[in-house]
Amino acid sequence: MSYTLPLPAEKKLLVTYRVESGCLGPEGECYVPAFCDFAQGKIQSFNSDFIAWNIISREDKQQPEIQYNLASKRVNSSQATRYFALFGQSLEQFEADLAEKLAELIDEFMGH
């Protein structure tokens, strides 16, 4: 099966990333909302041909740090792995790249 990129919005995988306040330092809870807005704007182009982004604060520790949804339905790790494989990518590499990108954004946001 082949896909013409970019995919229409309704076919993109929605990646929700929940930011822990602690990653922004001891007073991170003061910065999380602003950081989420900052990161949302900066990360939009990261794999944007087949991914949509939602960067939010992690208020509920019961919620996963990363959540995947497709067509408003939650996607488990196995399904996300297959989705990424359709585009010649791996979920593990995507998550590693995302962690690196978020670390860079935190440094940029915090002025390092």
C-alpha atoms as a PDB file:
ATOM      1  CA  MET A   1       0.000   0.000   0.000  1.00  0.00           C
ATOM      2  CA  SER A   2       1.426   3.387  -0.901  1.00  0.00           C
ATOM      3  CA  TYR A   3       0.608   6.758   0.528  1.00  0.00           C
ATOM      4  CA  THR A   4       0.912  10.197  -0.955  1.00  0.00           C
ATOM      5  CA  LEU A   5       2.512  12.493   1.584  1.00  0.00           C
ATOM      6  CA  PRO A   6       1.550  14.653   3.269  1.00  0.00           C
ATOM      7  CA  LEU A   7      -1.446  12.717   4.505  1.00  0.00           C
ATOM      8  CA  PRO A   8      -4.717  14.539   5.056  1.00  0.00           C
ATOM      9  CA  ALA A   9      -5.215  15.567   8.709  1.00  0.00           C
ATOM     10  CA  GLU A  10      -7.760  12.817   9.422  1.00  0.00           C
ATOM     11  CA  LYS A  11      -5.255  10.108   8.418  1.00  0.00           C
ATOM     12  CA  LYS A  12      -2.342  11.422  10.470  1.00  0.00           C
ATOM     13  CA  LEU A  13      -1.284   9.785  13.705  1.00  0.00           C
ATOM     14  CA  LEU A  14      -1.965  12.149  16.606  1.00  0.00           C
ATOM     15  CA  VAL A  15       0.959  12.069  19.013  1.00  0.00           C
ATOM     16  CA  THR A  16       0.115  13.478  22.429  1.00  0.00           C
ATOM     17  CA  TYR A  17       3.182  14.169  24.538  1.00  0.00           C
ATOM     18  CA  ARG A  18       2.610  15.019  28.194  1.00  0.00           C
ATOM     19  CA  VAL A  19       5.359  17.200  29.664  1.00  0.00           C
ATOM     20  CA  GLU A  20       6.347  16.646  33.294  1.00  0.00           C
ATOM     21  CA  SER A  21       6.926  19.897  35.180  1.00  0.00           C
ATOM     22  CA  GLY A  22      10.107  18.435  36.705  1.00  0.00           C
ATOM     23  CA  CYS A  23      11.859  18.414  33.341  1.00  0.00           C
ATOM     24  CA  LEU A  24      11.791  22.225  33.488  1.00  0.00           C
ATOM     25  CA  GLY A  25      13.566  22.419  36.829  1.00  0.00           C
ATOM     26  CA  PRO A  26      12.455  22.773  40.446  1.00  0.00           C
ATOM     27  CA  GLU A  27       9.988  25.542  39.569  1.00  0.00           C
ATOM     28  CA  GLY A  28       8.873  23.828  36.379  1.00  0.00           C
ATOM     29  CA  GLU A  29       5.196  23.895  37.248  1.00  0.00           C
ATOM     30  CA  CYS A  30       5.317  27.650  36.671  1.00  0.00           C
ATOM     31  CA  TYR A  31       6.707  27.157  33.155  1.00  0.00           C
ATOM     32  CA  VAL A  32       4.895  24.076  31.831  1.00  0.00           C
ATOM     33  CA  PRO A  33       1.947  25.844  30.137  1.00  0.00           C
ATOM     34  CA  ALA A  34       4.237  28.326  28.380  1.00  0.00           C
ATOM     35  CA  PHE A  35       6.672  25.580  27.418  1.00  0.00           C
ATOM     36  CA  CYS A  36       3.866  23.438  25.969  1.00  0.00           C
ATOM     37  CA  ASP A  37       2.734  26.353  23.785  1.00  0.00           C
ATOM     38  CA  PHE A  38       6.343  27.008  22.747  1.00  0.00           C
ATOM     39  CA  ALA A  39       7.027  23.322  21.978  1.00  0.00           C
ATOM     40  CA  GLN A  40       3.727  22.901  20.119  1.00  0.00           C
ATOM     41  CA  GLY A  41       4.720  25.662  17.722  1.00  0.00           C
ATOM     42  CA  LYS A  42       8.262  24.402  17.260  1.00  0.00           C
ATOM     43  CA  ILE A  43       7.486  20.704  16.794  1.00  0.00           C
ATOM     44  CA  GLN A  44       4.721  21.043  14.197  1.00  0.00           C
ATOM     45  CA  SER A  45       7.119  20.346  11.312  1.00  0.00           C
ATOM     46  CA  PHE A  46       8.673  17.227  12.923  1.00  0.00           C
ATOM     47  CA  ASN A  47       7.389  14.314  10.746  1.00  0.00           C
ATOM     48  CA  SER A  48       4.440  16.517   9.830  1.00  0.00           C
ATOM     49  CA  ASP A  49       3.692  14.570   6.644  1.00  0.00           C
ATOM     50  CA  PHE A  50       2.087  11.805   8.689  1.00  0.00           C
ATOM     51  CA  ILE A  51       1.944  13.046  12.297  1.00  0.00           C
ATOM     52  CA  ALA A  52      -0.133  15.669  14.105  1.00  0.00           C
ATOM     53  CA  TRP A  53       1.032  16.949  17.494  1.00  0.00           C
ATOM     54  CA  ASN A  54      -0.497  17.734  20.862  1.00  0.00           C
ATOM     55  CA  ILE A  55       2.013  18.890  23.497  1.00  0.00           C
ATOM     56  CA  ILE A  56       0.338  19.269  26.903  1.00  0.00           C
ATOM     57  CA  SER A  57       1.282  19.263  30.570  1.00  0.00           C
ATOM     58  CA  ARG A  58       1.107  15.980  32.441  1.00  0.00           C
ATOM     59  CA  GLU A  59      -1.395  16.705  35.175  1.00  0.00           C
ATOM     60  CA  ASP A  60      -2.448  13.094  35.773  1.00  0.00           C
ATOM     61  CA  LYS A  61       0.394  10.656  36.435  1.00  0.00           C
ATOM     62  CA  GLN A  62      -1.950   7.812  35.433  1.00  0.00           C
ATOM     63  CA  GLN A  63      -1.877   9.090  31.859  1.00  0.00           C
ATOM     64  CA  PRO A  64       0.998   7.887  29.664  1.00  0.00           C
ATOM     65  CA  GLU A  65       3.797  10.260  28.731  1.00  0.00           C
ATOM     66  CA  ILE A  66       3.233   9.505  25.039  1.00  0.00           C
ATOM     67  CA  GLN A  67      -0.122   8.555  23.588  1.00  0.00           C
ATOM     68  CA  TYR A  68      -0.976   7.686  19.993  1.00  0.00           C
ATOM     69  CA  ASN A  69      -4.392   8.134  18.384  1.00  0.00           C
ATOM     70  CA  LEU A  70      -5.624   7.528  14.866  1.00  0.00           C
ATOM     71  CA  ALA A  71      -9.093   8.587  13.721  1.00  0.00           C
ATOM     72  CA  SER A  72      -9.967   9.501  17.339  1.00  0.00           C
ATOM     73  CA  LYS A  73      -9.132   5.991  18.563  1.00  0.00           C
ATOM     74  CA  ARG A  74      -6.266   5.131  20.867  1.00  0.00           C
ATOM     75  CA  VAL A  75      -3.466   3.164  19.199  1.00  0.00           C
ATOM     76  CA  ASN A  76      -1.359   0.697  21.191  1.00  0.00           C
ATOM     77  CA  SER A  77       2.397   0.267  20.791  1.00  0.00           C
ATOM     78  CA  SER A  78       2.074  -2.623  18.349  1.00  0.00           C
ATOM     79  CA  GLN A  79      -0.319  -0.653  16.134  1.00  0.00           C
ATOM     80  CA  ALA A  80       1.918   2.430  16.288  1.00  0.00           C
ATOM     81  CA  THR A  81       4.896   0.263  15.284  1.00  0.00           C
ATOM     82  CA  ARG A  82       2.995  -0.909  12.195  1.00  0.00           C
ATOM     83  CA  TYR A  83       1.939   2.656  11.368  1.00  0.00           C
ATOM     84  CA  PHE A  84       5.536   3.907  11.457  1.00  0.00           C
ATOM     85  CA  ALA A  85       6.674   0.923   9.384  1.00  0.00           C
ATOM     86  CA  LEU A  86       4.330   2.080   6.596  1.00  0.00           C
ATOM     87  CA  PHE A  87       6.601   5.117   6.263  1.00  0.00           C
ATOM     88  CA  GLY A  88       9.879   3.242   6.582  1.00  0.00           C
ATOM     89  CA  GLN A  89      10.454   4.326  10.175  1.00  0.00           C
ATOM     90  CA  SER A  90      10.561   2.623  13.552  1.00  0.00           C
ATOM     91  CA  LEU A  91       8.608   3.607  16.633  1.00  0.00           C
ATOM     92  CA  GLU A  92      11.714   3.186  18.786  1.00  0.00           C
ATOM     93  CA  GLN A  93      13.761   5.568  16.636  1.00  0.00           C
ATOM     94  CA  PHE A  94      10.870   8.039  16.513  1.00  0.00           C
ATOM     95  CA  GLU A  95      10.623   8.070  20.312  1.00  0.00           C
ATOM     96  CA  ALA A  96      14.408   8.468  20.674  1.00  0.00           C
ATOM     97  CA  ASP A  97      14.387  11.356  18.165  1.00  0.00           C
ATOM     98  CA  LEU A  98      11.416  12.921  19.966  1.00  0.00           C
ATOM     99  CA  ALA A  99      13.197  12.756  23.335  1.00  0.00           C
ATOM    100  CA  GLU A 100      16.240  14.436  21.792  1.00  0.00           C
ATOM    101  CA  LYS A 101      14.116  17.113  20.113  1.00  0.00           C
ATOM    102  CA  LEU A 102      12.266  17.863  23.350  1.00  0.00           C
ATOM    103  CA  ALA A 103      15.551  18.155  25.260  1.00  0.00           C
ATOM    104  CA  GLU A 104      16.721  20.695  22.661  1.00  0.00           C
ATOM    105  CA  LEU A 105      13.438  22.611  22.978  1.00  0.00           C
ATOM    106  CA  ILE A 106      13.727  22.671  26.780  1.00  0.00           C
ATOM    107  CA  ASP A 107      17.248  24.101  26.485  1.00  0.00           C
ATOM    108  CA  GLU A 108      16.069  26.689  23.971  1.00  0.00           C
ATOM    109  CA  PHE A 109      13.047  27.621  26.109  1.00  0.00           C
ATOM    110  CA  MET A 110      15.104  27.905  29.292  1.00  0.00           C
ATOM    111  CA  GLY A 111      17.694  30.041  27.476  1.00  0.00           C
ATOM    112  CA  HIS A 112      20.620  27.623  27.628  1.00  0.00           C
END
